[in-house]
Amino acid sequence: MKVHPKIEPILYGIVVFVIFYILTLVLKLITHQFPMVLSFETLFPKKDLLLGLGVAVVLTFTHQRKKKLQ
């Protein structure tokens, strides 16, 4: 399935963000740092959201540059 070239980096960034956040939640569960009270603020702290957004932007940017070089 061919994706429109302008939508592809957005989808790539979303997938990177979701994978990053799943890994963050798994690591919190493994290290017993998962909060007992589940709410939006405890599951999605602002620090984790900003870090995930930064990682997604950087990886998407480097992926696009690497594709253009090939």
Protein backbone atom coordinates (compact mmCIF):
# COMPACT_ATOMS: atom_id res chain seq x y z
CA MET A 1 0.00 0.00 0.00
CA LYS A 2 1.44 3.33 -1.06
CA VAL A 3 1.05 6.26 1.33
CA HIS A 4 0.99 9.87 0.17
CA PRO A 5 4.51 11.36 0.59
CA LYS A 6 3.27 14.23 2.77
CA ILE A 7 1.38 11.91 5.15
CA GLU A 8 4.20 9.36 5.50
CA PRO A 9 6.40 11.41 7.92
CA ILE A 10 3.37 12.18 10.09
CA LEU A 11 2.47 8.49 10.35
CA TYR A 12 6.10 7.62 11.03
CA GLY A 13 6.25 10.17 13.84
CA ILE A 14 3.02 8.90 15.40
CA VAL A 15 4.27 5.31 15.33
CA VAL A 16 7.60 6.33 16.90
CA PHE A 17 5.74 8.23 19.64
CA VAL A 18 3.44 5.28 20.40
CA ILE A 19 6.35 2.82 20.55
CA PHE A 20 8.29 5.18 22.82
CA TYR A 21 5.34 5.55 25.14
CA ILE A 22 4.65 1.81 25.30
CA LEU A 23 8.31 1.22 26.22
CA THR A 24 8.04 3.93 28.89
CA LEU A 25 4.97 2.30 30.43
CA VAL A 26 6.58 -1.17 30.36
CA LEU A 27 9.72 0.15 32.05
CA LYS A 28 7.60 1.83 34.72
CA LEU A 29 5.82 -1.47 35.35
CA ILE A 30 9.09 -3.42 35.54
CA THR A 31 10.73 -0.95 37.94
CA HIS A 32 7.57 -0.69 40.08
CA GLN A 33 7.23 3.04 39.46
CA PHE A 34 3.74 2.71 38.03
CA PRO A 35 1.26 4.86 39.98
CA MET A 36 -1.39 3.16 42.10
CA VAL A 37 -4.03 5.77 41.24
CA LEU A 38 -4.68 5.71 37.52
CA SER A 39 -5.63 9.01 35.96
CA PHE A 40 -4.65 10.87 32.81
CA GLU A 41 -2.02 12.93 34.65
CA THR A 42 -0.37 9.87 36.21
CA LEU A 43 -0.36 7.77 33.03
CA PHE A 44 0.76 10.62 30.78
CA PRO A 45 3.02 12.99 32.72
CA LYS A 46 3.94 16.19 30.91
CA LYS A 47 7.65 15.32 31.05
CA ASP A 48 7.10 11.97 29.31
CA LEU A 49 4.87 13.51 26.66
CA LEU A 50 7.42 16.20 25.83
CA LEU A 51 10.27 13.70 25.77
CA GLY A 52 8.29 11.37 23.50
CA LEU A 53 7.42 14.24 21.20
CA GLY A 54 11.07 15.26 21.00
CA VAL A 55 12.20 11.72 20.24
CA ALA A 56 9.52 11.34 17.56
CA VAL A 57 10.49 14.63 15.87
CA VAL A 58 14.22 13.85 15.88
CA LEU A 59 13.80 10.29 14.59
CA THR A 60 11.33 11.37 11.92
CA PHE A 61 13.67 14.14 10.76
CA THR A 62 16.70 11.82 10.57
CA HIS A 63 14.63 9.14 8.80
CA GLN A 64 13.49 11.63 6.16
CA ARG A 65 17.05 12.90 5.60
CA LYS A 66 18.33 9.34 5.25
CA LYS A 67 15.62 8.56 2.69
CA LYS A 68 16.56 11.63 0.62
CA LEU A 69 20.24 10.60 0.54
CA GLN A 70 19.43 7.17 -0.91
